[in-house]
Amino acid sequence: MTSIKKKASATTVATKPMAVAHDAADMPVRKKTKAREMADLALQPTFNAAAVAINYISAPGGELSVVDLMESLKDSIDEVRAGDMRHAEAMLFSQAHALQAIFLDMALRAAKNSQPEHREASLRLALKAQNQSRMTLETLATIKNPPVVIARQANISSGPQQVNNGVASVHADRAHAENQRRRPNELIEESDEQGLDAGTARSPGGANSCLETVGQGYRAAHC
């Protein structure tokens, strides 16, 4: 009986950790506190943009709402994520026109100022607005027609490194150089082991008997 009780107690002790783990998995997730929710809201990009925009933009029909601005920004963000850049393109083009208006205003002010220092300050602001408008249009052009860059990868490492990029092209260059070196020989011979074909040997003729390879006593009289 004593041994049976010990086995039963050991079985009970062994199953306790499993029961505790099962209870921990069934525990409800801790809800966020009000302070944590406010912190998450303060760090949202849409909230940050809406908090700034509401202080600079005035609605023609009434006051703007931060929540409405956040929802509108969220819709625009979803369009960009889907690959639709029409809103971003319209925004950049509108900004270029707004900067052009600032350039014209500051240029006209510079023309009306009679004091050199005031005229110079207005002209500096006008040229800054003009430069920003140009850069905005360049950004728009880059979005519409992204540049194509073809470059080999540079692998730089201070330690051991195995680079396989460009191995095929290096081998191809070496083979091409080898073919260029062997090309003059290939026009004459098909391989290094095969010699030139001298053709069929001809019998000596009498046209140039002076060139015959005979002894001096057997040469022709006119030679």
C-alpha atoms as a PDB file:
ATOM      1  CA  MET A   1       0.000   0.000   0.000  1.00  0.00           C
ATOM      2  CA  THR A   2       2.836   2.391   0.831  1.00  0.00           C
ATOM      3  CA  SER A   3       4.482   1.876  -2.565  1.00  0.00           C
ATOM      4  CA  ILE A   4       1.165   2.466  -4.349  1.00  0.00           C
ATOM      5  CA  LYS A   5       0.690   5.790  -2.477  1.00  0.00           C
ATOM      6  CA  LYS A   6       4.222   6.908  -3.389  1.00  0.00           C
ATOM      7  CA  LYS A   7       3.603   6.150  -7.070  1.00  0.00           C
ATOM      8  CA  ALA A   8       0.330   8.037  -6.983  1.00  0.00           C
ATOM      9  CA  SER A   9       1.931  11.077  -5.343  1.00  0.00           C
ATOM     10  CA  ALA A  10       4.778  11.030  -7.906  1.00  0.00           C
ATOM     11  CA  THR A  11       2.258  10.916 -10.732  1.00  0.00           C
ATOM     12  CA  THR A  12       0.394  13.863  -9.245  1.00  0.00           C
ATOM     13  CA  VAL A  13       3.577  15.929  -8.879  1.00  0.00           C
ATOM     14  CA  ALA A  14       4.608  15.158 -12.454  1.00  0.00           C
ATOM     15  CA  THR A  15       1.298  16.330 -13.894  1.00  0.00           C
ATOM     16  CA  LYS A  16       1.211  19.634 -11.959  1.00  0.00           C
ATOM     17  CA  PRO A  17       3.609  21.589 -14.220  1.00  0.00           C
ATOM     18  CA  MET A  18       1.577  20.593 -17.288  1.00  0.00           C
ATOM     19  CA  ALA A  19      -1.570  21.852 -15.629  1.00  0.00           C
ATOM     20  CA  VAL A  20       0.104  25.143 -14.751  1.00  0.00           C
ATOM     21  CA  ALA A  21       1.336  25.585 -18.327  1.00  0.00           C
ATOM     22  CA  HIS A  22      -2.125  24.874 -19.666  1.00  0.00           C
ATOM     23  CA  ASP A  23      -3.631  27.450 -17.329  1.00  0.00           C
ATOM     24  CA  ALA A  24      -1.027  30.061 -18.427  1.00  0.00           C
ATOM     25  CA  ALA A  25      -1.927  29.542 -22.089  1.00  0.00           C
ATOM     26  CA  ASP A  26      -5.593  30.107 -21.290  1.00  0.00           C
ATOM     27  CA  MET A  27      -4.893  33.348 -19.445  1.00  0.00           C
ATOM     28  CA  PRO A  28      -6.483  36.392 -21.150  1.00  0.00           C
ATOM     29  CA  VAL A  29      -4.205  38.932 -22.866  1.00  0.00           C
ATOM     30  CA  ARG A  30      -3.588  42.006 -20.769  1.00  0.00           C
ATOM     31  CA  LYS A  31      -5.490  44.987 -22.106  1.00  0.00           C
ATOM     32  CA  LYS A  32      -3.642  48.204 -22.882  1.00  0.00           C
ATOM     33  CA  THR A  33      -3.979  50.984 -20.403  1.00  0.00           C
ATOM     34  CA  LYS A  34      -5.297  54.394 -21.359  1.00  0.00           C
ATOM     35  CA  ALA A  35      -1.815  55.859 -21.142  1.00  0.00           C
ATOM     36  CA  ARG A  36      -0.436  53.190 -23.502  1.00  0.00           C
ATOM     37  CA  GLU A  37      -3.222  53.846 -26.018  1.00  0.00           C
ATOM     38  CA  MET A  38      -2.463  57.571 -25.920  1.00  0.00           C
ATOM     39  CA  ALA A  39       1.241  56.863 -26.432  1.00  0.00           C
ATOM     40  CA  ASP A  40       0.500  54.662 -29.451  1.00  0.00           C
ATOM     41  CA  LEU A  41      -1.733  57.387 -30.896  1.00  0.00           C
ATOM     42  CA  ALA A  42       0.912  60.062 -30.366  1.00  0.00           C
ATOM     43  CA  LEU A  43       3.463  57.993 -32.324  1.00  0.00           C
ATOM     44  CA  GLN A  44       1.242  57.279 -35.317  1.00  0.00           C
ATOM     45  CA  PRO A  45       2.454  59.048 -38.485  1.00  0.00           C
ATOM     46  CA  THR A  46      -1.081  59.952 -39.504  1.00  0.00           C
ATOM     47  CA  PHE A  47      -1.722  61.637 -36.151  1.00  0.00           C
ATOM     48  CA  ASN A  48       1.547  63.568 -36.314  1.00  0.00           C
ATOM     49  CA  ALA A  49       0.810  64.814 -39.822  1.00  0.00           C
ATOM     50  CA  ALA A  50      -2.779  65.725 -38.927  1.00  0.00           C
ATOM     51  CA  ALA A  51      -1.687  67.587 -35.775  1.00  0.00           C
ATOM     52  CA  VAL A  52       0.634  69.767 -37.861  1.00  0.00           C
ATOM     53  CA  ALA A  53      -1.700  70.208 -40.830  1.00  0.00           C
ATOM     54  CA  ILE A  54      -4.645  71.349 -38.729  1.00  0.00           C
ATOM     55  CA  ASN A  55      -2.623  74.350 -37.552  1.00  0.00           C
ATOM     56  CA  TYR A  56      -1.827  75.488 -41.082  1.00  0.00           C
ATOM     57  CA  ILE A  57      -4.855  74.467 -43.144  1.00  0.00           C
ATOM     58  CA  SER A  58      -8.237  76.145 -42.813  1.00  0.00           C
ATOM     59  CA  ALA A  59     -11.321  74.534 -44.306  1.00  0.00           C
ATOM     60  CA  PRO A  60     -13.524  76.842 -46.376  1.00  0.00           C
ATOM     61  CA  GLY A  61     -16.768  75.401 -44.954  1.00  0.00           C
ATOM     62  CA  GLY A  62     -15.814  75.143 -41.281  1.00  0.00           C
ATOM     63  CA  GLU A  63     -13.293  73.735 -38.847  1.00  0.00           C
ATOM     64  CA  LEU A  64     -11.254  70.654 -39.593  1.00  0.00           C
ATOM     65  CA  SER A  65     -11.141  67.548 -37.418  1.00  0.00           C
ATOM     66  CA  VAL A  66      -7.967  65.677 -36.542  1.00  0.00           C
ATOM     67  CA  VAL A  67      -9.819  62.374 -36.891  1.00  0.00           C
ATOM     68  CA  ASP A  68     -11.040  63.264 -40.378  1.00  0.00           C
ATOM     69  CA  LEU A  69      -7.537  64.286 -41.397  1.00  0.00           C
ATOM     70  CA  MET A  70      -6.151  60.994 -40.084  1.00  0.00           C
ATOM     71  CA  GLU A  71      -8.720  58.982 -42.039  1.00  0.00           C
ATOM     72  CA  SER A  72      -7.969  60.910 -45.228  1.00  0.00           C
ATOM     73  CA  LEU A  73      -4.238  60.374 -44.763  1.00  0.00           C
ATOM     74  CA  LYS A  74      -4.807  56.681 -44.139  1.00  0.00           C
ATOM     75  CA  ASP A  75      -6.644  56.366 -47.456  1.00  0.00           C
ATOM     76  CA  SER A  76      -3.761  58.076 -49.245  1.00  0.00           C
ATOM     77  CA  ILE A  77      -1.240  55.803 -47.531  1.00  0.00           C
ATOM     78  CA  ASP A  78      -3.189  52.730 -48.626  1.00  0.00           C
ATOM     79  CA  GLU A  79      -3.094  54.001 -52.228  1.00  0.00           C
ATOM     80  CA  VAL A  80       0.676  54.443 -52.089  1.00  0.00           C
ATOM     81  CA  ARG A  81       1.138  50.957 -50.636  1.00  0.00           C
ATOM     82  CA  ALA A  82      -0.933  49.574 -53.499  1.00  0.00           C
ATOM     83  CA  GLY A  83       1.354  51.291 -56.006  1.00  0.00           C
ATOM     84  CA  ASP A  84      -0.947  54.179 -56.893  1.00  0.00           C
ATOM     85  CA  MET A  85       1.234  57.310 -56.917  1.00  0.00           C
ATOM     86  CA  ARG A  86      -1.315  59.695 -58.438  1.00  0.00           C
ATOM     87  CA  HIS A  87      -1.962  61.492 -55.152  1.00  0.00           C
ATOM     88  CA  ALA A  88       1.757  61.930 -54.503  1.00  0.00           C
ATOM     89  CA  GLU A  89       2.313  63.198 -58.037  1.00  0.00           C
ATOM     90  CA  ALA A  90      -0.521  65.708 -57.686  1.00  0.00           C
ATOM     91  CA  MET A  91       0.868  66.871 -54.350  1.00  0.00           C
ATOM     92  CA  LEU A  92       4.359  67.455 -55.767  1.00  0.00           C
ATOM     93  CA  PHE A  93       3.032  69.321 -58.795  1.00  0.00           C
ATOM     94  CA  SER A  94       0.835  71.503 -56.566  1.00  0.00           C
ATOM     95  CA  GLN A  95       3.799  72.250 -54.315  1.00  0.00           C
ATOM     96  CA  ALA A  96       5.827  73.322 -57.342  1.00  0.00           C
ATOM     97  CA  HIS A  97       3.095  75.790 -58.284  1.00  0.00           C
ATOM     98  CA  ALA A  98       2.874  77.102 -54.709  1.00  0.00           C
ATOM     99  CA  LEU A  99       6.643  77.640 -54.637  1.00  0.00           C
ATOM    100  CA  GLN A 100       6.390  79.396 -57.981  1.00  0.00           C
ATOM    101  CA  ALA A 101       3.835  81.764 -56.446  1.00  0.00           C
ATOM    102  CA  ILE A 102       6.220  82.497 -53.561  1.00  0.00           C
ATOM    103  CA  PHE A 103       9.011  83.177 -56.054  1.00  0.00           C
ATOM    104  CA  LEU A 104       6.877  85.665 -57.967  1.00  0.00           C
ATOM    105  CA  ASP A 105       5.760  87.432 -54.778  1.00  0.00           C
ATOM    106  CA  MET A 106       9.291  87.822 -53.423  1.00  0.00           C
ATOM    107  CA  ALA A 107      10.627  88.908 -56.829  1.00  0.00           C
ATOM    108  CA  LEU A 108       7.986  91.637 -57.054  1.00  0.00           C
ATOM    109  CA  ARG A 109       8.787  92.785 -53.525  1.00  0.00           C
ATOM    110  CA  ALA A 110      12.455  92.996 -54.436  1.00  0.00           C
ATOM    111  CA  ALA A 111      11.594  95.151 -57.436  1.00  0.00           C
ATOM    112  CA  LYS A 112       9.589  97.564 -55.280  1.00  0.00           C
ATOM    113  CA  ASN A 113      12.229  97.912 -52.527  1.00  0.00           C
ATOM    114  CA  SER A 114      14.529 100.857 -52.949  1.00  0.00           C
ATOM    115  CA  GLN A 115      16.935  99.888 -50.170  1.00  0.00           C
ATOM    116  CA  PRO A 116      19.688  97.544 -51.383  1.00  0.00           C
ATOM    117  CA  GLU A 117      19.711  95.330 -48.277  1.00  0.00           C
ATOM    118  CA  HIS A 118      15.944  94.750 -48.406  1.00  0.00           C
ATOM    119  CA  ARG A 119      16.048  94.095 -52.123  1.00  0.00           C
ATOM    120  CA  GLU A 120      18.851  91.573 -51.674  1.00  0.00           C
ATOM    121  CA  ALA A 121      16.970  89.754 -48.912  1.00  0.00           C
ATOM    122  CA  SER A 122      13.828  89.524 -51.060  1.00  0.00           C
ATOM    123  CA  LEU A 123      15.810  88.278 -54.031  1.00  0.00           C
ATOM    124  CA  ARG A 124      17.503  85.608 -51.917  1.00  0.00           C
ATOM    125  CA  LEU A 125      14.127  84.305 -50.738  1.00  0.00           C
ATOM    126  CA  ALA A 126      12.790  84.423 -54.301  1.00  0.00           C
ATOM    127  CA  LEU A 127      15.702  82.370 -55.622  1.00  0.00           C
ATOM    128  CA  LYS A 128      15.366  79.876 -52.773  1.00  0.00           C
ATOM    129  CA  ALA A 129      11.693  79.365 -53.635  1.00  0.00           C
ATOM    130  CA  GLN A 130      12.604  79.005 -57.310  1.00  0.00           C
ATOM    131  CA  ASN A 131      15.228  76.380 -56.470  1.00  0.00           C
ATOM    132  CA  GLN A 132      12.805  74.436 -54.314  1.00  0.00           C
ATOM    133  CA  SER A 133      10.249  74.493 -57.115  1.00  0.00           C
ATOM    134  CA  ARG A 134      12.851  73.120 -59.531  1.00  0.00           C
ATOM    135  CA  MET A 135      13.836  70.335 -57.115  1.00  0.00           C
ATOM    136  CA  THR A 136      10.179  69.426 -56.609  1.00  0.00           C
ATOM    137  CA  LEU A 137       9.689  69.058 -60.352  1.00  0.00           C
ATOM    138  CA  GLU A 138      12.846  66.942 -60.572  1.00  0.00           C
ATOM    139  CA  THR A 139      11.490  64.655 -57.856  1.00  0.00           C
ATOM    140  CA  LEU A 140       8.231  64.348 -59.765  1.00  0.00           C
ATOM    141  CA  ALA A 141      10.125  63.496 -62.949  1.00  0.00           C
ATOM    142  CA  THR A 142      12.117  60.831 -61.080  1.00  0.00           C
ATOM    143  CA  ILE A 143       8.911  59.237 -59.812  1.00  0.00           C
ATOM    144  CA  LYS A 144       7.385  59.240 -63.279  1.00  0.00           C
ATOM    145  CA  ASN A 145      10.544  57.999 -65.023  1.00  0.00           C
ATOM    146  CA  PRO A 146      12.904  56.300 -62.545  1.00  0.00           C
ATOM    147  CA  PRO A 147      16.496  56.105 -63.780  1.00  0.00           C
ATOM    148  CA  VAL A 148      17.930  52.761 -64.833  1.00  0.00           C
ATOM    149  CA  VAL A 149      21.292  52.056 -63.214  1.00  0.00           C
ATOM    150  CA  ILE A 150      23.415  49.145 -64.467  1.00  0.00           C
ATOM    151  CA  ALA A 151      26.476  48.646 -62.299  1.00  0.00           C
ATOM    152  CA  ARG A 152      28.570  45.757 -61.124  1.00  0.00           C
ATOM    153  CA  GLN A 153      28.398  44.935 -57.451  1.00  0.00           C
ATOM    154  CA  ALA A 154      31.362  45.992 -55.338  1.00  0.00           C
ATOM    155  CA  ASN A 155      32.134  43.473 -52.625  1.00  0.00           C
ATOM    156  CA  ILE A 156      34.359  44.980 -49.949  1.00  0.00           C
ATOM    157  CA  SER A 157      35.213  43.076 -46.788  1.00  0.00           C
ATOM    158  CA  SER A 158      37.999  43.254 -44.231  1.00  0.00           C
ATOM    159  CA  GLY A 159      37.796  39.535 -43.438  1.00  0.00           C
ATOM    160  CA  PRO A 160      37.597  36.301 -45.430  1.00  0.00           C
ATOM    161  CA  GLN A 161      35.037  36.494 -48.187  1.00  0.00           C
ATOM    162  CA  GLN A 162      34.010  34.314 -51.099  1.00  0.00           C
ATOM    163  CA  VAL A 163      32.498  36.223 -54.007  1.00  0.00           C
ATOM    164  CA  ASN A 164      30.826  34.392 -56.857  1.00  0.00           C
ATOM    165  CA  ASN A 165      29.406  37.446 -58.608  1.00  0.00           C
ATOM    166  CA  GLY A 166      30.742  37.888 -62.106  1.00  0.00           C
ATOM    167  CA  VAL A 167      32.566  34.542 -62.267  1.00  0.00           C
ATOM    168  CA  ALA A 168      30.870  33.574 -65.504  1.00  0.00           C
ATOM    169  CA  SER A 169      31.679  36.908 -67.113  1.00  0.00           C
ATOM    170  CA  VAL A 170      35.346  36.646 -66.051  1.00  0.00           C
ATOM    171  CA  HIS A 171      35.597  33.202 -67.582  1.00  0.00           C
ATOM    172  CA  ALA A 172      33.945  34.466 -70.736  1.00  0.00           C
ATOM    173  CA  ASP A 173      36.424  37.342 -70.969  1.00  0.00           C
ATOM    174  CA  ARG A 174      39.344  34.978 -70.543  1.00  0.00           C
ATOM    175  CA  ALA A 175      37.982  32.616 -73.195  1.00  0.00           C
ATOM    176  CA  HIS A 176      37.452  35.544 -75.559  1.00  0.00           C
ATOM    177  CA  ALA A 177      41.032  36.742 -75.015  1.00  0.00           C
ATOM    178  CA  GLU A 178      42.342  33.214 -75.600  1.00  0.00           C
ATOM    179  CA  ASN A 179      40.409  32.999 -78.837  1.00  0.00           C
ATOM    180  CA  GLN A 180      41.822  36.332 -79.931  1.00  0.00           C
ATOM    181  CA  ARG A 181      45.359  35.094 -79.281  1.00  0.00           C
ATOM    182  CA  ARG A 182      44.745  31.850 -81.149  1.00  0.00           C
ATOM    183  CA  ARG A 183      42.858  33.353 -84.075  1.00  0.00           C
ATOM    184  CA  PRO A 184      45.922  33.986 -86.386  1.00  0.00           C
ATOM    185  CA  ASN A 185      47.048  30.365 -85.953  1.00  0.00           C
ATOM    186  CA  GLU A 186      43.561  29.022 -86.580  1.00  0.00           C
ATOM    187  CA  LEU A 187      43.510  30.719 -89.973  1.00  0.00           C
ATOM    188  CA  ILE A 188      46.534  28.599 -90.992  1.00  0.00           C
ATOM    189  CA  GLU A 189      46.199  25.417 -88.982  1.00  0.00           C
ATOM    190  CA  GLU A 190      43.223  23.649 -87.495  1.00  0.00           C
ATOM    191  CA  SER A 191      45.182  22.508 -84.460  1.00  0.00           C
ATOM    192  CA  ASP A 192      48.630  22.710 -82.955  1.00  0.00           C
ATOM    193  CA  GLU A 193      49.434  19.083 -83.924  1.00  0.00           C
ATOM    194  CA  GLN A 194      48.524  19.457 -87.617  1.00  0.00           C
ATOM    195  CA  GLY A 195      51.186  21.035 -89.848  1.00  0.00           C
ATOM    196  CA  LEU A 196      50.820  22.962 -93.057  1.00  0.00           C
ATOM    197  CA  ASP A 197      49.796  21.076 -96.220  1.00  0.00           C
ATOM    198  CA  ALA A 198      52.618  21.602 -98.720  1.00  0.00           C
ATOM    199  CA  GLY A 199      50.611  20.105-101.575  1.00  0.00           C
ATOM    200  CA  THR A 200      51.731  17.588-104.248  1.00  0.00           C
ATOM    201  CA  ALA A 201      55.473  17.673-105.086  1.00  0.00           C
ATOM    202  CA  ARG A 202      56.230  18.796-108.633  1.00  0.00           C
ATOM    203  CA  SER A 203      58.962  17.464-110.889  1.00  0.00           C
ATOM    204  CA  PRO A 204      61.798  19.877-111.730  1.00  0.00           C
ATOM    205  CA  GLY A 205      61.443  21.754-115.029  1.00  0.00           C
ATOM    206  CA  GLY A 206      63.895  23.363-117.422  1.00  0.00           C
ATOM    207  CA  ALA A 207      62.646  26.931-117.293  1.00  0.00           C
ATOM    208  CA  ASN A 208      65.047  28.007-114.539  1.00  0.00           C
ATOM    209  CA  SER A 209      67.772  25.489-114.829  1.00  0.00           C
ATOM    210  CA  CYS A 210      70.158  27.788-113.024  1.00  0.00           C
ATOM    211  CA  LEU A 211      68.276  27.124-109.816  1.00  0.00           C
ATOM    212  CA  GLU A 212      68.563  23.388-109.974  1.00  0.00           C
ATOM    213  CA  THR A 213      70.265  21.827-106.995  1.00  0.00           C
ATOM    214  CA  VAL A 214      73.046  20.072-108.904  1.00  0.00           C
ATOM    215  CA  GLY A 215      76.736  20.133-108.732  1.00  0.00           C
ATOM    216  CA  GLN A 216      78.812  22.848-110.300  1.00  0.00           C
ATOM    217  CA  GLY A 217      80.082  20.640-113.086  1.00  0.00           C
ATOM    218  CA  TYR A 218      76.561  19.793-114.255  1.00  0.00           C
ATOM    219  CA  ARG A 219      75.252  23.327-114.531  1.00  0.00           C
ATOM    220  CA  ALA A 220      74.169  24.817-117.848  1.00  0.00           C
ATOM    221  CA  ALA A 221      76.665  26.790-119.834  1.00  0.00           C
ATOM    222  CA  HIS A 222      74.735  30.079-119.651  1.00  0.00           C
ATOM    223  CA  CYS A 223      74.564  30.037-115.817  1.00  0.00           C
END
